[in-house]
Amino acid sequence: MIRLLLYSQDLNLQMLLAPTLGSEFSVFIERRMDRVREIVSKGQCDVLILDLDSTSCPIPQQLCFFEEIRDFGVPIVVMTDDDGRALA
């Protein structure tokens, strides 16, 4: 089973993603950057989906977070809303 960690402020994303991905994926959501950092650094997930949401936190702060965690060795999928598309 592939452990997929979703960093997002949108709690509905987990309900949308999990059924779409099927039984091969275990999807869990985390809203706190410090907790995501801990999970990723300990290798407790196989893939991270990073939802850059311009309404929840300043995009520059979220990009700094991405820069910090991208070298932990976990593949990261970045998604964003229309306002952040150019940055992603």
C-alpha atoms as a PDB file:
ATOM      1  CA  MET A   1       0.000   0.000   0.000  1.00  0.00           C
ATOM      2  CA  ILE A   2       1.299   3.456  -0.931  1.00  0.00           C
ATOM      3  CA  ARG A   3       1.087   5.963   1.914  1.00  0.00           C
ATOM      4  CA  LEU A   4       0.080   9.318   0.499  1.00  0.00           C
ATOM      5  CA  LEU A   5       0.323  12.369   2.757  1.00  0.00           C
ATOM      6  CA  LEU A   6      -1.796  15.343   1.742  1.00  0.00           C
ATOM      7  CA  TYR A   7      -0.762  18.732   3.080  1.00  0.00           C
ATOM      8  CA  SER A   8      -3.798  20.937   2.618  1.00  0.00           C
ATOM      9  CA  GLN A   9      -6.128  23.254   4.454  1.00  0.00           C
ATOM     10  CA  ASP A  10      -9.001  21.863   2.386  1.00  0.00           C
ATOM     11  CA  LEU A  11     -10.365  18.887   4.307  1.00  0.00           C
ATOM     12  CA  ASN A  12     -12.596  17.939   1.365  1.00  0.00           C
ATOM     13  CA  LEU A  13      -9.586  16.984  -0.777  1.00  0.00           C
ATOM     14  CA  GLN A  14      -9.017  13.782   1.166  1.00  0.00           C
ATOM     15  CA  MET A  15     -12.618  12.708   0.553  1.00  0.00           C
ATOM     16  CA  LEU A  16     -12.205  13.485  -3.158  1.00  0.00           C
ATOM     17  CA  LEU A  17      -8.814  11.845  -3.654  1.00  0.00           C
ATOM     18  CA  ALA A  18      -9.115   8.626  -1.657  1.00  0.00           C
ATOM     19  CA  PRO A  19     -11.929   6.984  -3.659  1.00  0.00           C
ATOM     20  CA  THR A  20     -10.369   8.098  -6.939  1.00  0.00           C
ATOM     21  CA  LEU A  21      -6.996   6.533  -6.172  1.00  0.00           C
ATOM     22  CA  GLY A  22      -8.403   3.199  -5.065  1.00  0.00           C
ATOM     23  CA  SER A  23      -7.368   0.638  -2.513  1.00  0.00           C
ATOM     24  CA  GLU A  24      -3.662   0.719  -3.403  1.00  0.00           C
ATOM     25  CA  PHE A  25      -3.332   4.084  -1.634  1.00  0.00           C
ATOM     26  CA  SER A  26      -3.726   5.100   1.962  1.00  0.00           C
ATOM     27  CA  VAL A  27      -4.489   8.836   2.001  1.00  0.00           C
ATOM     28  CA  PHE A  28      -4.107  10.900   5.142  1.00  0.00           C
ATOM     29  CA  ILE A  29      -4.271  14.657   5.516  1.00  0.00           C
ATOM     30  CA  GLU A  30      -2.236  16.987   7.661  1.00  0.00           C
ATOM     31  CA  ARG A  31      -2.837  20.721   8.013  1.00  0.00           C
ATOM     32  CA  ARG A  32       0.245  21.660  10.058  1.00  0.00           C
ATOM     33  CA  MET A  33       3.623  22.273   8.401  1.00  0.00           C
ATOM     34  CA  ASP A  34       5.572  21.122  11.444  1.00  0.00           C
ATOM     35  CA  ARG A  35       3.746  17.805  11.485  1.00  0.00           C
ATOM     36  CA  VAL A  36       4.259  17.304   7.728  1.00  0.00           C
ATOM     37  CA  ARG A  37       7.956  18.024   8.196  1.00  0.00           C
ATOM     38  CA  GLU A  38       8.128  15.388  10.937  1.00  0.00           C
ATOM     39  CA  ILE A  39       6.236  12.732   8.938  1.00  0.00           C
ATOM     40  CA  VAL A  40       8.321  13.287   5.802  1.00  0.00           C
ATOM     41  CA  SER A  41      11.664  13.414   7.625  1.00  0.00           C
ATOM     42  CA  LYS A  42      10.892  10.104   9.356  1.00  0.00           C
ATOM     43  CA  GLY A  43       9.911   8.417   6.089  1.00  0.00           C
ATOM     44  CA  GLN A  44       6.375   7.760   7.305  1.00  0.00           C
ATOM     45  CA  CYS A  45       4.860   8.473   3.889  1.00  0.00           C
ATOM     46  CA  ASP A  46       5.719   7.415   0.353  1.00  0.00           C
ATOM     47  CA  VAL A  47       4.398  10.472  -1.515  1.00  0.00           C
ATOM     48  CA  LEU A  48       3.531  13.998  -0.412  1.00  0.00           C
ATOM     49  CA  ILE A  49       0.889  16.074  -2.147  1.00  0.00           C
ATOM     50  CA  LEU A  50       1.545  19.700  -1.327  1.00  0.00           C
ATOM     51  CA  ASP A  51      -1.519  21.895  -1.861  1.00  0.00           C
ATOM     52  CA  LEU A  52      -0.312  25.479  -2.258  1.00  0.00           C
ATOM     53  CA  ASP A  53      -3.456  27.396  -1.390  1.00  0.00           C
ATOM     54  CA  SER A  54      -3.138  31.162  -1.757  1.00  0.00           C
ATOM     55  CA  THR A  55      -6.062  31.776   0.610  1.00  0.00           C
ATOM     56  CA  SER A  56      -4.702  29.861   3.611  1.00  0.00           C
ATOM     57  CA  CYS A  57      -1.101  30.999   3.889  1.00  0.00           C
ATOM     58  CA  PRO A  58       1.151  33.364   1.918  1.00  0.00           C
ATOM     59  CA  ILE A  59       2.542  31.558  -1.141  1.00  0.00           C
ATOM     60  CA  PRO A  60       6.153  32.666  -0.417  1.00  0.00           C
ATOM     61  CA  GLN A  61       5.941  30.977   2.985  1.00  0.00           C
ATOM     62  CA  GLN A  62       4.612  27.802   1.383  1.00  0.00           C
ATOM     63  CA  LEU A  63       7.386  27.861  -1.228  1.00  0.00           C
ATOM     64  CA  CYS A  64       9.969  28.140   1.553  1.00  0.00           C
ATOM     65  CA  PHE A  65       8.354  25.087   3.148  1.00  0.00           C
ATOM     66  CA  PHE A  66       8.649  23.213  -0.155  1.00  0.00           C
ATOM     67  CA  GLU A  67      12.326  24.189  -0.434  1.00  0.00           C
ATOM     68  CA  GLU A  68      12.901  22.885   3.081  1.00  0.00           C
ATOM     69  CA  ILE A  69      11.300  19.459   2.607  1.00  0.00           C
ATOM     70  CA  ARG A  70      12.110  18.646  -1.001  1.00  0.00           C
ATOM     71  CA  ASP A  71      15.471  17.085  -0.144  1.00  0.00           C
ATOM     72  CA  PHE A  72      14.025  14.565   2.334  1.00  0.00           C
ATOM     73  CA  GLY A  73      13.797  11.954  -0.433  1.00  0.00           C
ATOM     74  CA  VAL A  74      10.007  11.710  -0.656  1.00  0.00           C
ATOM     75  CA  PRO A  75       8.426  12.440  -4.056  1.00  0.00           C
ATOM     76  CA  ILE A  76       6.328  15.616  -3.915  1.00  0.00           C
ATOM     77  CA  VAL A  77       3.368  16.472  -6.116  1.00  0.00           C
ATOM     78  CA  VAL A  78       2.562  20.192  -6.008  1.00  0.00           C
ATOM     79  CA  MET A  79      -0.923  21.436  -6.716  1.00  0.00           C
ATOM     80  CA  THR A  80      -2.346  24.925  -6.466  1.00  0.00           C
ATOM     81  CA  ASP A  81      -5.392  27.050  -7.130  1.00  0.00           C
ATOM     82  CA  ASP A  82      -5.626  29.302 -10.156  1.00  0.00           C
ATOM     83  CA  ASP A  83      -4.031  32.248  -8.304  1.00  0.00           C
ATOM     84  CA  GLY A  84      -0.857  30.272  -7.662  1.00  0.00           C
ATOM     85  CA  ARG A  85      -0.557  28.469 -10.989  1.00  0.00           C
ATOM     86  CA  ALA A  86       2.358  30.591 -12.265  1.00  0.00           C
ATOM     87  CA  LEU A  87       4.377  29.907  -9.096  1.00  0.00           C
ATOM     88  CA  ALA A  88       3.817  26.161  -9.132  1.00  0.00           C
END
